[in-house]
Amino acid sequence: MSGVIGGAGSKSGVIGETELEYEYGTWTGTFTDNTNDMSMDNNTGTYVRIGNSVTVCGYFVGNSLGSCSGNMYLKGLPFNSNVIGAAAISYGSYLTISAGYTIAIRIPVGQPYLILDLWDAAGGTTQLQSGELTYNGRVQITATYTIS
């Protein structure tokens, strides 16, 4: 669904009617190593776009690693980001990570995917590996970013 929100503020600073583009819908998220995709049991997320701000949410469950190896991503964002955005993983399970480590996500500029990270290094994060996600790994995410 999409539409226009009238009278929502002023882009120019002049008081009066302005229009913000409004859209919402679903998007298909897939775990990938950016060459090979995992089979998915659950891969539908939702999004809301207001103006140039997009918020995506979803619960994603893998089914099979297939030929995935190395660094892992969640691809399929409905819009590419034009700046680094804010993102959070609120739930994860069936992961093979050490106790005390936390998974995280990043939104790279200009890409249709999220980077899956792992807080496991003294200096910060490393990218989550396919063996750490496992064949039936699952995450619940929320991310907000801006688009052109």
Protein backbone atom coordinates (compact mmCIF):
# COMPACT_ATOMS: atom_id res chain seq x y z
CA MET A 1 0.00 0.00 0.00
CA SER A 2 1.23 3.49 -0.66
CA GLY A 3 -0.01 7.03 -0.55
CA VAL A 4 0.76 10.60 0.42
CA ILE A 5 0.49 12.17 3.85
CA GLY A 6 -0.62 15.80 3.52
CA GLY A 7 0.07 18.59 6.01
CA ALA A 8 2.75 16.57 7.82
CA GLY A 9 5.23 19.42 8.14
CA SER A 10 7.32 21.60 5.93
CA LYS A 11 10.35 20.54 3.88
CA SER A 12 11.20 24.13 2.97
CA GLY A 13 10.53 25.75 6.33
CA VAL A 14 7.50 27.53 4.88
CA ILE A 15 4.32 26.78 6.76
CA GLY A 16 1.75 25.02 4.62
CA GLU A 17 0.89 21.74 3.01
CA THR A 18 3.66 19.26 2.31
CA GLU A 19 3.51 15.72 1.13
CA LEU A 20 5.43 12.74 2.50
CA GLU A 21 5.44 9.52 0.56
CA TYR A 22 3.99 6.65 2.61
CA GLU A 23 4.27 2.99 1.76
CA TYR A 24 4.16 -0.32 3.59
CA GLY A 25 4.38 -3.94 2.60
CA THR A 26 6.36 -7.14 2.87
CA TRP A 27 9.87 -8.07 1.82
CA THR A 28 11.60 -11.42 1.39
CA GLY A 29 14.74 -11.88 3.48
CA THR A 30 17.22 -14.64 2.72
CA PHE A 31 20.40 -15.65 4.52
CA THR A 32 23.26 -15.65 2.00
CA ASP A 33 27.04 -15.56 1.69
CA ASN A 34 26.42 -13.17 -1.27
CA THR A 35 27.05 -16.01 -3.70
CA ASN A 36 24.87 -18.84 -2.40
CA ASP A 37 21.49 -18.54 -0.64
CA MET A 38 20.25 -20.67 2.23
CA SER A 39 16.89 -22.41 1.97
CA MET A 40 14.49 -20.66 4.33
CA ASP A 41 11.58 -21.86 6.48
CA ASN A 42 10.45 -18.31 7.28
CA ASN A 43 11.59 -15.36 5.18
CA THR A 44 8.85 -12.72 5.15
CA GLY A 45 9.40 -9.38 6.81
CA THR A 46 7.44 -6.14 6.83
CA TYR A 47 8.43 -2.56 6.09
CA VAL A 48 7.09 0.96 6.46
CA ARG A 49 8.43 3.89 4.45
CA ILE A 50 7.58 7.46 5.41
CA GLY A 51 9.38 10.02 3.28
CA ASN A 52 12.99 8.86 3.05
CA SER A 53 12.89 6.80 6.26
CA VAL A 54 12.39 3.03 6.07
CA THR A 55 11.84 0.63 8.98
CA VAL A 56 12.04 -3.11 8.34
CA CYS A 57 11.15 -5.94 10.73
CA GLY A 58 11.10 -9.69 10.43
CA TYR A 59 11.67 -13.14 11.83
CA PHE A 60 13.91 -15.24 9.60
CA VAL A 61 14.54 -18.98 9.93
CA GLY A 62 17.00 -20.96 7.84
CA ASN A 63 16.31 -24.48 6.63
CA SER A 64 19.55 -25.57 4.96
CA LEU A 65 22.97 -23.94 4.54
CA GLY A 66 23.22 -25.38 1.06
CA SER A 67 26.54 -24.20 -0.40
CA CYS A 68 26.84 -21.15 1.92
CA SER A 69 30.25 -20.65 3.46
CA GLY A 70 32.07 -17.77 5.07
CA ASN A 71 30.58 -14.34 5.85
CA MET A 72 26.80 -14.21 6.22
CA TYR A 73 24.27 -11.56 5.21
CA LEU A 74 20.49 -11.12 5.21
CA LYS A 75 19.53 -9.92 1.72
CA GLY A 76 16.30 -8.63 0.21
CA LEU A 77 15.80 -5.20 1.78
CA PRO A 78 12.98 -3.34 0.00
CA PHE A 79 15.21 -0.27 -0.58
CA ASN A 80 18.96 0.36 -0.60
CA SER A 81 20.24 2.56 2.22
CA ASN A 82 21.97 5.84 1.40
CA VAL A 83 23.58 6.16 4.85
CA ILE A 84 24.50 3.78 7.63
CA GLY A 85 21.33 3.03 9.62
CA ALA A 86 20.37 1.74 13.05
CA ALA A 87 19.59 -1.93 13.45
CA ALA A 88 18.98 -4.48 16.20
CA ILE A 89 18.58 -8.21 16.61
CA SER A 90 16.07 -8.84 19.39
CA TYR A 91 16.19 -12.64 19.24
CA GLY A 92 18.45 -15.37 17.93
CA SER A 93 18.56 -19.13 18.34
CA TYR A 94 20.12 -22.28 16.90
CA LEU A 95 23.44 -20.47 16.63
CA THR A 96 26.83 -22.03 17.37
CA ILE A 97 28.43 -19.08 19.15
CA SER A 98 30.21 -19.01 22.50
CA ALA A 99 28.40 -17.99 25.67
CA GLY A 100 28.69 -14.26 26.21
CA TYR A 101 28.92 -13.42 22.50
CA THR A 102 26.16 -11.41 20.86
CA ILE A 103 25.01 -11.19 17.25
CA ALA A 104 24.47 -7.81 15.63
CA ILE A 105 23.60 -6.35 12.23
CA ARG A 106 24.92 -3.48 10.15
CA ILE A 107 23.32 -1.65 7.23
CA PRO A 108 25.92 -0.88 4.55
CA VAL A 109 25.48 2.14 2.30
CA GLY A 110 23.94 1.44 -1.10
CA GLN A 111 23.34 -2.28 -0.60
CA PRO A 112 20.13 -4.39 -0.49
CA TYR A 113 21.30 -6.46 2.48
CA LEU A 114 22.21 -6.42 6.18
CA ILE A 115 25.62 -7.62 7.38
CA LEU A 116 25.41 -10.17 10.21
CA ASP A 117 28.11 -9.56 12.83
CA LEU A 118 29.29 -11.23 16.02
CA TRP A 119 30.59 -9.32 19.06
CA ASP A 120 33.47 -11.71 19.71
CA ALA A 121 36.68 -9.71 19.39
CA ALA A 122 38.47 -7.53 21.89
CA GLY A 123 38.29 -4.62 19.45
CA GLY A 124 34.66 -5.10 18.38
CA THR A 125 32.96 -7.40 15.90
CA THR A 126 33.80 -9.96 13.27
CA GLN A 127 31.38 -11.03 10.58
CA LEU A 128 29.12 -13.98 11.45
CA GLN A 129 30.19 -17.15 9.63
CA SER A 130 27.91 -19.73 8.03
CA GLY A 131 28.92 -22.37 10.61
CA GLU A 132 27.90 -20.01 13.42
CA LEU A 133 24.48 -19.35 11.88
CA THR A 134 23.86 -23.11 11.30
CA TYR A 135 21.35 -24.67 8.92
CA ASN A 136 18.31 -23.73 11.05
CA GLY A 137 19.57 -20.49 12.60
CA ARG A 138 16.97 -17.86 13.29
CA VAL A 139 16.95 -14.15 14.05
CA GLN A 140 14.37 -11.47 14.67
CA ILE A 141 15.43 -8.04 13.43
CA THR A 142 14.38 -4.40 13.31
CA ALA A 143 16.26 -1.80 11.31
CA THR A 144 15.68 1.83 10.37
CA TYR A 145 17.58 3.60 7.63
CA THR A 146 17.26 6.45 5.15
CA ILE A 147 17.00 6.26 1.37
CA SER A 148 17.40 8.82 -1.40
